[in-house]
């Protein structure tokens, strides 16, 4: 006779509670059924596992050794059951998101914090890359989600616009432009300015706009990303125009937020592989990204209205 789960269940219950009667009650079955299973186990293993005295059974040394192995297996099954419950209830697992630097500081930290409130067992892996690499990672299924800083439509991906929010002007506290509600290109003429690097498409767009208005800024510093620009503004080096998500990372610093009169949209795209099934956990994280985005933009409106 081959071993089966019911035979082992009866053996495990008998060894755990110490009696056949107790095992039968535990398993909600009859005492003869348990006794029959114990006999079948002995036949299958070709070992004497119990010494029978009347209605009592006493486990042998062989039974004790076998029980240790069976108990480990049962504990393993319980762990698998708990893991299945956690996966089903989205309480465990991991999420890998590749994102542009604009989202890598406050925004994603706030997203993960919100997401983990009801899912403390979930690990989030954040990889910060430039948009071409993010596209490659999403297409090749090396990440669950990609958050790129431009409007892109890579082949092999499902893509959706994440935001087209306008870039904003950030000023050191006490700067003379803090006196106006909306900064125009002409207001930036001769002003100390922190610019993004020459390879940044958004920087090129701004420079073309300023050129069209015959505006020349006094560039005191050129940086490689908007987070560095925000840090420079917070230290009083000059004014800058950056995306709202990086800007909000500095909302507790000595920075004033102002609208820019020209709508320079900061376009971003959320990506995932077309060939990778979306888990419930990843879908919930996606929803949390949009919720955090909406919360950020609402907070930005409050700051811009002051």
C-alpha atoms as a PDB file:
ATOM      1  CA  UNK A   1       0.000   0.000   0.000  1.00  0.00           C
ATOM      2  CA  UNK A   2       1.197   3.497  -0.851  1.00  0.00           C
ATOM      3  CA  UNK A   3       1.318   6.316   1.648  1.00  0.00           C
ATOM      4  CA  UNK A   4      -1.349   8.973   1.321  1.00  0.00           C
ATOM      5  CA  UNK A   5      -2.135  12.195   3.088  1.00  0.00           C
ATOM      6  CA  UNK A   6      -5.021  10.748   5.133  1.00  0.00           C
ATOM      7  CA  UNK A   7      -2.874   7.971   6.587  1.00  0.00           C
ATOM      8  CA  UNK A   8      -0.162  10.448   7.533  1.00  0.00           C
ATOM      9  CA  UNK A   9      -2.748  12.857   8.944  1.00  0.00           C
ATOM     10  CA  UNK A  10      -4.082  10.134  11.271  1.00  0.00           C
ATOM     11  CA  UNK A  11      -0.534   9.212  12.320  1.00  0.00           C
ATOM     12  CA  UNK A  12       0.395  12.839  12.973  1.00  0.00           C
ATOM     13  CA  UNK A  13      -2.770  13.450  15.007  1.00  0.00           C
ATOM     14  CA  UNK A  14      -2.248  10.291  17.099  1.00  0.00           C
ATOM     15  CA  UNK A  15       1.355  11.206  17.876  1.00  0.00           C
ATOM     16  CA  UNK A  16       0.394  14.802  18.640  1.00  0.00           C
ATOM     17  CA  UNK A  17      -2.469  14.163  21.085  1.00  0.00           C
ATOM     18  CA  UNK A  18      -1.187  10.796  22.363  1.00  0.00           C
ATOM     19  CA  UNK A  19      -4.305   8.635  21.886  1.00  0.00           C
ATOM     20  CA  UNK A  20      -6.338   7.152  19.047  1.00  0.00           C
ATOM     21  CA  UNK A  21      -9.527   8.486  20.618  1.00  0.00           C
ATOM     22  CA  UNK A  22      -8.101  12.003  20.793  1.00  0.00           C
ATOM     23  CA  UNK A  23      -6.895  11.761  17.198  1.00  0.00           C
ATOM     24  CA  UNK A  24     -10.374  10.694  16.046  1.00  0.00           C
ATOM     25  CA  UNK A  25     -11.949  13.662  17.814  1.00  0.00           C
ATOM     26  CA  UNK A  26      -9.347  16.027  16.379  1.00  0.00           C
ATOM     27  CA  UNK A  27      -9.968  14.786  12.844  1.00  0.00           C
ATOM     28  CA  UNK A  28     -13.735  14.492  13.291  1.00  0.00           C
ATOM     29  CA  UNK A  29     -13.712  10.811  12.358  1.00  0.00           C
ATOM     30  CA  UNK A  30     -14.192   7.440  14.084  1.00  0.00           C
ATOM     31  CA  UNK A  31     -11.688   5.636  16.270  1.00  0.00           C
ATOM     32  CA  UNK A  32     -11.741   2.512  14.045  1.00  0.00           C
ATOM     33  CA  UNK A  33     -10.932   4.670  11.026  1.00  0.00           C
ATOM     34  CA  UNK A  34      -7.851   6.062  12.763  1.00  0.00           C
ATOM     35  CA  UNK A  35      -6.766   2.588  13.933  1.00  0.00           C
ATOM     36  CA  UNK A  36      -7.165   1.304  10.387  1.00  0.00           C
ATOM     37  CA  UNK A  37      -4.998   4.125   9.019  1.00  0.00           C
ATOM     38  CA  UNK A  38      -2.273   3.404  11.580  1.00  0.00           C
ATOM     39  CA  UNK A  39      -2.232  -0.241  10.535  1.00  0.00           C
ATOM     40  CA  UNK A  40      -2.036   0.758   6.881  1.00  0.00           C
ATOM     41  CA  UNK A  41       0.942   2.984   7.681  1.00  0.00           C
ATOM     42  CA  UNK A  42       2.737   0.098   9.376  1.00  0.00           C
ATOM     43  CA  UNK A  43       2.070  -2.116   6.358  1.00  0.00           C
ATOM     44  CA  UNK A  44       3.311   0.540   3.957  1.00  0.00           C
ATOM     45  CA  UNK A  45       6.486   1.249   5.922  1.00  0.00           C
ATOM     46  CA  UNK A  46       6.989  -2.393   6.973  1.00  0.00           C
ATOM     47  CA  UNK A  47       7.712  -1.239  10.534  1.00  0.00           C
ATOM     48  CA  UNK A  48       6.062  -1.780  13.904  1.00  0.00           C
ATOM     49  CA  UNK A  49       5.087   1.724  14.906  1.00  0.00           C
ATOM     50  CA  UNK A  50       2.835   1.026  17.887  1.00  0.00           C
ATOM     51  CA  UNK A  51       2.677  -1.499  20.688  1.00  0.00           C
ATOM     52  CA  UNK A  52      -0.996  -2.258  21.299  1.00  0.00           C
ATOM     53  CA  UNK A  53      -2.255  -3.043  24.800  1.00  0.00           C
ATOM     54  CA  UNK A  54      -6.019  -3.366  24.825  1.00  0.00           C
ATOM     55  CA  UNK A  55      -7.392  -0.103  23.495  1.00  0.00           C
ATOM     56  CA  UNK A  56      -4.142   1.745  24.049  1.00  0.00           C
ATOM     57  CA  UNK A  57      -1.265   2.203  21.601  1.00  0.00           C
ATOM     58  CA  UNK A  58       2.281   3.104  22.590  1.00  0.00           C
ATOM     59  CA  UNK A  59       4.579   4.515  19.876  1.00  0.00           C
ATOM     60  CA  UNK A  60       7.861   2.727  19.260  1.00  0.00           C
ATOM     61  CA  UNK A  61      11.214   4.402  18.704  1.00  0.00           C
ATOM     62  CA  UNK A  62      10.633   4.012  14.958  1.00  0.00           C
ATOM     63  CA  UNK A  63       7.355   5.874  15.281  1.00  0.00           C
ATOM     64  CA  UNK A  64       9.089   8.731  17.100  1.00  0.00           C
ATOM     65  CA  UNK A  65      11.683   9.065  14.359  1.00  0.00           C
ATOM     66  CA  UNK A  66       9.067   8.929  11.640  1.00  0.00           C
ATOM     67  CA  UNK A  67       6.933  11.499  13.451  1.00  0.00           C
ATOM     68  CA  UNK A  68       9.798  14.017  13.425  1.00  0.00           C
ATOM     69  CA  UNK A  69       9.928  13.812   9.642  1.00  0.00           C
ATOM     70  CA  UNK A  70       6.157  13.870   9.208  1.00  0.00           C
ATOM     71  CA  UNK A  71       5.848  16.833  11.577  1.00  0.00           C
ATOM     72  CA  UNK A  72       8.386  18.813   9.549  1.00  0.00           C
ATOM     73  CA  UNK A  73       6.344  18.100   6.438  1.00  0.00           C
ATOM     74  CA  UNK A  74       3.122  19.201   8.118  1.00  0.00           C
ATOM     75  CA  UNK A  75       4.728  22.414   9.332  1.00  0.00           C
ATOM     76  CA  UNK A  76       5.978  22.997   5.796  1.00  0.00           C
ATOM     77  CA  UNK A  77       2.455  22.558   4.446  1.00  0.00           C
ATOM     78  CA  UNK A  78       1.170  25.075   6.985  1.00  0.00           C
ATOM     79  CA  UNK A  79       3.823  27.549   5.866  1.00  0.00           C
ATOM     80  CA  UNK A  80       2.746  27.029   2.259  1.00  0.00           C
ATOM     81  CA  UNK A  81      -0.851  27.611   3.289  1.00  0.00           C
ATOM     82  CA  UNK A  82       0.064  30.819   5.097  1.00  0.00           C
ATOM     83  CA  UNK A  83       2.110  31.959   2.104  1.00  0.00           C
ATOM     84  CA  UNK A  84      -0.844  31.301  -0.205  1.00  0.00           C
ATOM     85  CA  UNK A  85      -3.091  33.328   2.098  1.00  0.00           C
ATOM     86  CA  UNK A  86      -0.601  36.195   2.137  1.00  0.00           C
ATOM     87  CA  UNK A  87      -0.238  36.151  -1.646  1.00  0.00           C
ATOM     88  CA  UNK A  88      -3.996  36.028  -2.137  1.00  0.00           C
ATOM     89  CA  UNK A  89      -4.484  38.893   0.333  1.00  0.00           C
ATOM     90  CA  UNK A  90      -1.503  40.787  -1.158  1.00  0.00           C
ATOM     91  CA  UNK A  91       0.433  40.663   2.117  1.00  0.00           C
ATOM     92  CA  UNK A  92       3.700  39.346   0.667  1.00  0.00           C
ATOM     93  CA  UNK A  93       5.749  39.424  -2.500  1.00  0.00           C
ATOM     94  CA  UNK A  94       7.809  42.113  -4.167  1.00  0.00           C
ATOM     95  CA  UNK A  95       7.375  44.831  -6.747  1.00  0.00           C
ATOM     96  CA  UNK A  96      10.142  46.152  -8.976  1.00  0.00           C
ATOM     97  CA  UNK A  97       9.645  49.618 -10.449  1.00  0.00           C
ATOM     98  CA  UNK A  98      12.135  51.413 -12.665  1.00  0.00           C
ATOM     99  CA  UNK A  99      11.660  55.178 -12.553  1.00  0.00           C
ATOM    100  CA  UNK A 100      13.092  58.461 -13.724  1.00  0.00           C
ATOM    101  CA  UNK A 101      15.065  60.504 -11.158  1.00  0.00           C
ATOM    102  CA  UNK A 102      12.165  62.979 -10.937  1.00  0.00           C
ATOM    103  CA  UNK A 103      10.114  60.365  -9.090  1.00  0.00           C
ATOM    104  CA  UNK A 104      12.863  58.688  -7.101  1.00  0.00           C
ATOM    105  CA  UNK A 105      12.920  60.901  -4.044  1.00  0.00           C
ATOM    106  CA  UNK A 106       9.787  62.031  -2.241  1.00  0.00           C
ATOM    107  CA  UNK A 107       7.170  60.764  -4.675  1.00  0.00           C
ATOM    108  CA  UNK A 108       8.032  57.066  -4.685  1.00  0.00           C
ATOM    109  CA  UNK A 109       8.898  57.081  -0.994  1.00  0.00           C
ATOM    110  CA  UNK A 110       5.424  58.450  -0.266  1.00  0.00           C
ATOM    111  CA  UNK A 111       3.852  55.904  -2.632  1.00  0.00           C
ATOM    112  CA  UNK A 112       5.615  52.971  -0.976  1.00  0.00           C
ATOM    113  CA  UNK A 113       4.770  54.269   2.495  1.00  0.00           C
ATOM    114  CA  UNK A 114       1.083  54.489   1.597  1.00  0.00           C
ATOM    115  CA  UNK A 115       1.119  51.101  -0.121  1.00  0.00           C
ATOM    116  CA  UNK A 116       2.746  49.345   2.833  1.00  0.00           C
ATOM    117  CA  UNK A 117       0.244  50.578   5.407  1.00  0.00           C
ATOM    118  CA  UNK A 118      -1.908  47.496   4.813  1.00  0.00           C
ATOM    119  CA  UNK A 119       0.797  45.333   3.207  1.00  0.00           C
ATOM    120  CA  UNK A 120       3.805  45.303   5.568  1.00  0.00           C
ATOM    121  CA  UNK A 121       5.205  42.089   4.078  1.00  0.00           C
ATOM    122  CA  UNK A 122       5.625  43.469   0.562  1.00  0.00           C
ATOM    123  CA  UNK A 123       9.074  44.575  -0.582  1.00  0.00           C
ATOM    124  CA  UNK A 124       9.467  47.315  -3.186  1.00  0.00           C
ATOM    125  CA  UNK A 125      12.576  47.481  -5.367  1.00  0.00           C
ATOM    126  CA  UNK A 126      13.198  50.898  -6.934  1.00  0.00           C
ATOM    127  CA  UNK A 127      15.665  51.263  -9.796  1.00  0.00           C
ATOM    128  CA  UNK A 128      16.446  54.814 -10.937  1.00  0.00           C
ATOM    129  CA  UNK A 129      17.304  55.053 -14.628  1.00  0.00           C
ATOM    130  CA  UNK A 130      16.950  57.380 -17.590  1.00  0.00           C
ATOM    131  CA  UNK A 131      13.938  56.959 -19.863  1.00  0.00           C
ATOM    132  CA  UNK A 132      15.577  54.830 -22.631  1.00  0.00           C
ATOM    133  CA  UNK A 133      16.769  52.307 -20.060  1.00  0.00           C
ATOM    134  CA  UNK A 134      13.392  52.297 -18.303  1.00  0.00           C
ATOM    135  CA  UNK A 135      11.775  51.444 -21.622  1.00  0.00           C
ATOM    136  CA  UNK A 136      14.211  48.562 -22.152  1.00  0.00           C
ATOM    137  CA  UNK A 137      13.658  47.187 -18.648  1.00  0.00           C
ATOM    138  CA  UNK A 138       9.874  47.235 -19.072  1.00  0.00           C
ATOM    139  CA  UNK A 139       9.981  45.693 -22.544  1.00  0.00           C
ATOM    140  CA  UNK A 140      12.321  42.889 -21.465  1.00  0.00           C
ATOM    141  CA  UNK A 141      10.223  42.129 -18.340  1.00  0.00           C
ATOM    142  CA  UNK A 142      13.075  43.062 -16.000  1.00  0.00           C
ATOM    143  CA  UNK A 143      10.730  45.239 -13.955  1.00  0.00           C
ATOM    144  CA  UNK A 144       7.038  45.146 -13.135  1.00  0.00           C
ATOM    145  CA  UNK A 145       6.433  48.811 -13.910  1.00  0.00           C
ATOM    146  CA  UNK A 146       8.384  51.596 -15.543  1.00  0.00           C
ATOM    147  CA  UNK A 147       7.783  55.289 -14.862  1.00  0.00           C
ATOM    148  CA  UNK A 148       9.447  57.323 -17.597  1.00  0.00           C
ATOM    149  CA  UNK A 149       9.856  61.091 -17.687  1.00  0.00           C
ATOM    150  CA  UNK A 150       8.639  61.597 -21.253  1.00  0.00           C
ATOM    151  CA  UNK A 151       5.671  60.717 -23.444  1.00  0.00           C
ATOM    152  CA  UNK A 152       6.791  57.465 -25.061  1.00  0.00           C
ATOM    153  CA  UNK A 153       5.100  54.469 -26.666  1.00  0.00           C
ATOM    154  CA  UNK A 154       7.669  51.629 -26.769  1.00  0.00           C
ATOM    155  CA  UNK A 155       6.856  48.496 -28.721  1.00  0.00           C
ATOM    156  CA  UNK A 156       6.153  45.467 -26.562  1.00  0.00           C
ATOM    157  CA  UNK A 157       4.686  47.507 -23.711  1.00  0.00           C
ATOM    158  CA  UNK A 158       1.328  48.594 -22.385  1.00  0.00           C
ATOM    159  CA  UNK A 159       1.630  52.341 -21.768  1.00  0.00           C
ATOM    160  CA  UNK A 160      -0.523  55.064 -20.294  1.00  0.00           C
ATOM    161  CA  UNK A 161      -0.012  58.746 -19.645  1.00  0.00           C
ATOM    162  CA  UNK A 162       0.895  59.291 -16.019  1.00  0.00           C
ATOM    163  CA  UNK A 163       0.837  63.073 -16.020  1.00  0.00           C
ATOM    164  CA  UNK A 164       0.980  66.180 -18.188  1.00  0.00           C
ATOM    165  CA  UNK A 165       1.270  68.565 -15.255  1.00  0.00           C
ATOM    166  CA  UNK A 166       2.973  71.891 -15.997  1.00  0.00           C
ATOM    167  CA  UNK A 167       6.453  72.606 -14.760  1.00  0.00           C
ATOM    168  CA  UNK A 168       6.674  75.300 -12.113  1.00  0.00           C
ATOM    169  CA  UNK A 169       9.022  78.063 -11.087  1.00  0.00           C
ATOM    170  CA  UNK A 170      10.831  77.602  -7.774  1.00  0.00           C
ATOM    171  CA  UNK A 171      12.439  80.547  -5.994  1.00  0.00           C
ATOM    172  CA  UNK A 172      14.639  80.945  -2.934  1.00  0.00           C
ATOM    173  CA  UNK A 173      12.620  82.367  -0.048  1.00  0.00           C
ATOM    174  CA  UNK A 174      12.938  86.170  -0.050  1.00  0.00           C
ATOM    175  CA  UNK A 175      13.658  86.418  -3.783  1.00  0.00           C
ATOM    176  CA  UNK A 176      12.133  89.523  -5.382  1.00  0.00           C
ATOM    177  CA  UNK A 177      10.046  87.389  -7.774  1.00  0.00           C
ATOM    178  CA  UNK A 178       8.200  85.955  -4.764  1.00  0.00           C
ATOM    179  CA  UNK A 179       6.154  89.172  -4.836  1.00  0.00           C
ATOM    180  CA  UNK A 180       4.319  88.125  -8.006  1.00  0.00           C
ATOM    181  CA  UNK A 181       1.836  85.279  -8.419  1.00  0.00           C
ATOM    182  CA  UNK A 182       2.765  84.174 -11.946  1.00  0.00           C
ATOM    183  CA  UNK A 183       6.299  84.332 -13.336  1.00  0.00           C
ATOM    184  CA  UNK A 184       6.627  85.204 -17.030  1.00  0.00           C
ATOM    185  CA  UNK A 185       9.606  84.541 -19.304  1.00  0.00           C
ATOM    186  CA  UNK A 186      10.386  88.279 -19.259  1.00  0.00           C
ATOM    187  CA  UNK A 187      10.608  88.179 -15.437  1.00  0.00           C
ATOM    188  CA  UNK A 188      13.596  85.850 -15.755  1.00  0.00           C
ATOM    189  CA  UNK A 189      15.717  88.262 -17.794  1.00  0.00           C
ATOM    190  CA  UNK A 190      19.043  88.775 -16.021  1.00  0.00           C
ATOM    191  CA  UNK A 191      17.962  86.642 -13.065  1.00  0.00           C
ATOM    192  CA  UNK A 192      20.400  84.160 -11.480  1.00  0.00           C
ATOM    193  CA  UNK A 193      19.218  80.848 -12.860  1.00  0.00           C
ATOM    194  CA  UNK A 194      19.901  77.160 -12.184  1.00  0.00           C
ATOM    195  CA  UNK A 195      19.563  75.251 -15.453  1.00  0.00           C
ATOM    196  CA  UNK A 196      19.377  71.592 -16.351  1.00  0.00           C
ATOM    197  CA  UNK A 197      22.062  69.983 -18.497  1.00  0.00           C
ATOM    198  CA  UNK A 198      22.243  70.563 -22.227  1.00  0.00           C
ATOM    199  CA  UNK A 199      21.211  66.973 -22.987  1.00  0.00           C
ATOM    200  CA  UNK A 200      17.877  67.395 -21.182  1.00  0.00           C
ATOM    201  CA  UNK A 201      14.978  67.814 -23.671  1.00  0.00           C
ATOM    202  CA  UNK A 202      13.006  69.907 -21.180  1.00  0.00           C
ATOM    203  CA  UNK A 203      15.987  72.231 -20.804  1.00  0.00           C
ATOM    204  CA  UNK A 204      16.176  72.618 -24.588  1.00  0.00           C
ATOM    205  CA  UNK A 205      12.472  73.447 -24.700  1.00  0.00           C
ATOM    206  CA  UNK A 206      12.845  76.134 -22.013  1.00  0.00           C
ATOM    207  CA  UNK A 207      15.877  77.677 -23.687  1.00  0.00           C
ATOM    208  CA  UNK A 208      14.006  77.905 -27.002  1.00  0.00           C
ATOM    209  CA  UNK A 209      11.105  79.599 -25.223  1.00  0.00           C
ATOM    210  CA  UNK A 210      13.376  82.137 -23.523  1.00  0.00           C
ATOM    211  CA  UNK A 211      15.111  82.792 -26.821  1.00  0.00           C
ATOM    212  CA  UNK A 212      11.770  83.439 -28.514  1.00  0.00           C
ATOM    213  CA  UNK A 213      11.114  86.110 -25.859  1.00  0.00           C
ATOM    214  CA  UNK A 214      14.634  87.587 -26.130  1.00  0.00           C
ATOM    215  CA  UNK A 215      15.257  86.627 -22.519  1.00  0.00           C
ATOM    216  CA  UNK A 216      18.750  85.909 -21.250  1.00  0.00           C
ATOM    217  CA  UNK A 217      19.169  84.480 -17.770  1.00  0.00           C
ATOM    218  CA  UNK A 218      22.322  84.628 -15.669  1.00  0.00           C
ATOM    219  CA  UNK A 219      23.129  80.933 -15.463  1.00  0.00           C
ATOM    220  CA  UNK A 220      24.967  80.425 -12.186  1.00  0.00           C
ATOM    221  CA  UNK A 221      24.866  76.641 -12.209  1.00  0.00           C
ATOM    222  CA  UNK A 222      24.094  73.817 -14.626  1.00  0.00           C
ATOM    223  CA  UNK A 223      22.988  70.527 -13.076  1.00  0.00           C
ATOM    224  CA  UNK A 224      22.106  67.083 -14.392  1.00  0.00           C
ATOM    225  CA  UNK A 225      18.661  66.617 -12.864  1.00  0.00           C
ATOM    226  CA  UNK A 226      15.798  68.525 -11.300  1.00  0.00           C
ATOM    227  CA  UNK A 227      16.556  67.273  -7.790  1.00  0.00           C
ATOM    228  CA  UNK A 228      19.970  68.935  -7.923  1.00  0.00           C
ATOM    229  CA  UNK A 229      18.298  72.076  -9.244  1.00  0.00           C
ATOM    230  CA  UNK A 230      15.896  72.075  -6.289  1.00  0.00           C
ATOM    231  CA  UNK A 231      18.783  71.713  -3.866  1.00  0.00           C
ATOM    232  CA  UNK A 232      20.597  74.632  -5.475  1.00  0.00           C
ATOM    233  CA  UNK A 233      17.486  76.830  -5.247  1.00  0.00           C
ATOM    234  CA  UNK A 234      16.990  75.851  -1.604  1.00  0.00           C
ATOM    235  CA  UNK A 235      20.540  77.043  -0.926  1.00  0.00           C
ATOM    236  CA  UNK A 236      19.756  80.408  -2.520  1.00  0.00           C
ATOM    237  CA  UNK A 237      21.849  80.065  -5.672  1.00  0.00           C
ATOM    238  CA  UNK A 238      19.106  81.115  -8.038  1.00  0.00           C
ATOM    239  CA  UNK A 239      15.740  80.436  -9.639  1.00  0.00           C
ATOM    240  CA  UNK A 240      14.781  77.357 -11.636  1.00  0.00           C
ATOM    241  CA  UNK A 241      11.891  75.820 -13.557  1.00  0.00           C
ATOM    242  CA  UNK A 242      11.434  72.110 -12.886  1.00  0.00           C
ATOM    243  CA  UNK A 243       8.825  69.380 -12.843  1.00  0.00           C
ATOM    244  CA  UNK A 244       6.289  69.490  -9.984  1.00  0.00           C
ATOM    245  CA  UNK A 245       7.187  66.101  -8.495  1.00  0.00           C
ATOM    246  CA  UNK A 246      10.818  66.993  -7.913  1.00  0.00           C
ATOM    247  CA  UNK A 247       9.760  70.417  -6.693  1.00  0.00           C
ATOM    248  CA  UNK A 248       7.439  68.992  -4.051  1.00  0.00           C
ATOM    249  CA  UNK A 249      10.350  67.063  -2.565  1.00  0.00           C
ATOM    250  CA  UNK A 250      11.519  70.491  -1.340  1.00  0.00           C
ATOM    251  CA  UNK A 251       8.199  71.726   0.032  1.00  0.00           C
ATOM    252  CA  UNK A 252       9.614  71.834   3.562  1.00  0.00           C
ATOM    253  CA  UNK A 253      12.697  73.797   2.519  1.00  0.00           C
ATOM    254  CA  UNK A 254      13.176  77.544   2.055  1.00  0.00           C
ATOM    255  CA  UNK A 255      11.592  77.505  -1.402  1.00  0.00           C
ATOM    256  CA  UNK A 256       8.628  79.433  -2.818  1.00  0.00           C
ATOM    257  CA  UNK A 257       6.469  77.925  -5.573  1.00  0.00           C
ATOM    258  CA  UNK A 258       5.104  80.045  -8.413  1.00  0.00           C
ATOM    259  CA  UNK A 259       3.191  79.292 -11.595  1.00  0.00           C
ATOM    260  CA  UNK A 260       4.999  79.853 -14.877  1.00  0.00           C
ATOM    261  CA  UNK A 261       2.901  81.781 -17.387  1.00  0.00           C
ATOM    262  CA  UNK A 262       3.717  79.359 -20.224  1.00  0.00           C
ATOM    263  CA  UNK A 263       2.392  75.811 -19.847  1.00  0.00           C
ATOM    264  CA  UNK A 264       5.494  73.645 -20.171  1.00  0.00           C
ATOM    265  CA  UNK A 265       3.991  70.209 -19.651  1.00  0.00           C
ATOM    266  CA  UNK A 266       5.996  67.602 -17.781  1.00  0.00           C
ATOM    267  CA  UNK A 267       4.855  64.463 -19.564  1.00  0.00           C
ATOM    268  CA  UNK A 268       5.459  61.063 -18.027  1.00  0.00           C
ATOM    269  CA  UNK A 269       4.447  57.544 -19.010  1.00  0.00           C
ATOM    270  CA  UNK A 270       3.701  54.437 -16.962  1.00  0.00           C
ATOM    271  CA  UNK A 271       4.875  51.266 -18.691  1.00  0.00           C
ATOM    272  CA  UNK A 272       4.673  47.527 -18.283  1.00  0.00           C
ATOM    273  CA  UNK A 273       5.519  44.604 -20.527  1.00  0.00           C
ATOM    274  CA  UNK A 274       2.743  43.540 -22.869  1.00  0.00           C
ATOM    275  CA  UNK A 275       3.807  39.924 -22.411  1.00  0.00           C
ATOM    276  CA  UNK A 276       3.931  39.780 -18.612  1.00  0.00           C
ATOM    277  CA  UNK A 277       0.652  39.055 -16.793  1.00  0.00           C
ATOM    278  CA  UNK A 278      -0.237  41.721 -14.253  1.00  0.00           C
ATOM    279  CA  UNK A 279      -0.559  40.395 -10.723  1.00  0.00           C
ATOM    280  CA  UNK A 280      -3.154  41.750  -8.329  1.00  0.00           C
ATOM    281  CA  UNK A 281      -0.301  43.119  -6.211  1.00  0.00           C
ATOM    282  CA  UNK A 282       1.207  45.094  -9.104  1.00  0.00           C
ATOM    283  CA  UNK A 283      -2.209  46.391 -10.096  1.00  0.00           C
ATOM    284  CA  UNK A 284      -2.769  47.671  -6.555  1.00  0.00           C
ATOM    285  CA  UNK A 285       0.620  49.389  -6.608  1.00  0.00           C
ATOM    286  CA  UNK A 286      -0.308  51.013  -9.923  1.00  0.00           C
ATOM    287  CA  UNK A 287      -3.475  52.388  -8.308  1.00  0.00           C
ATOM    288  CA  UNK A 288      -1.421  53.697  -5.407  1.00  0.00           C
ATOM    289  CA  UNK A 289       0.889  55.515  -7.842  1.00  0.00           C
ATOM    290  CA  UNK A 290      -2.066  57.385  -9.327  1.00  0.00           C
ATOM    291  CA  UNK A 291      -3.485  58.146  -5.876  1.00  0.00           C
ATOM    292  CA  UNK A 292      -0.147  59.613  -4.785  1.00  0.00           C
ATOM    293  CA  UNK A 293       0.058  61.591  -8.033  1.00  0.00           C
ATOM    294  CA  UNK A 294      -3.370  63.113  -7.398  1.00  0.00           C
ATOM    295  CA  UNK A 295      -2.435  63.917  -3.806  1.00  0.00           C
ATOM    296  CA  UNK A 296       0.797  65.588  -4.937  1.00  0.00           C
ATOM    297  CA  UNK A 297      -0.921  67.708  -7.577  1.00  0.00           C
ATOM    298  CA  UNK A 298      -3.601  68.770  -5.091  1.00  0.00           C
ATOM    299  CA  UNK A 299      -0.906  69.805  -2.603  1.00  0.00           C
ATOM    300  CA  UNK A 300       0.890  71.677  -5.354  1.00  0.00           C
ATOM    301  CA  UNK A 301      -2.244  73.692  -6.087  1.00  0.00           C
ATOM    302  CA  UNK A 302      -2.372  74.749  -2.446  1.00  0.00           C
ATOM    303  CA  UNK A 303       1.271  75.830  -2.503  1.00  0.00           C
ATOM    304  CA  UNK A 304       0.806  77.766  -5.747  1.00  0.00           C
ATOM    305  CA  UNK A 305      -2.209  79.597  -4.306  1.00  0.00           C
ATOM    306  CA  UNK A 306      -0.354  81.046  -1.347  1.00  0.00           C
END
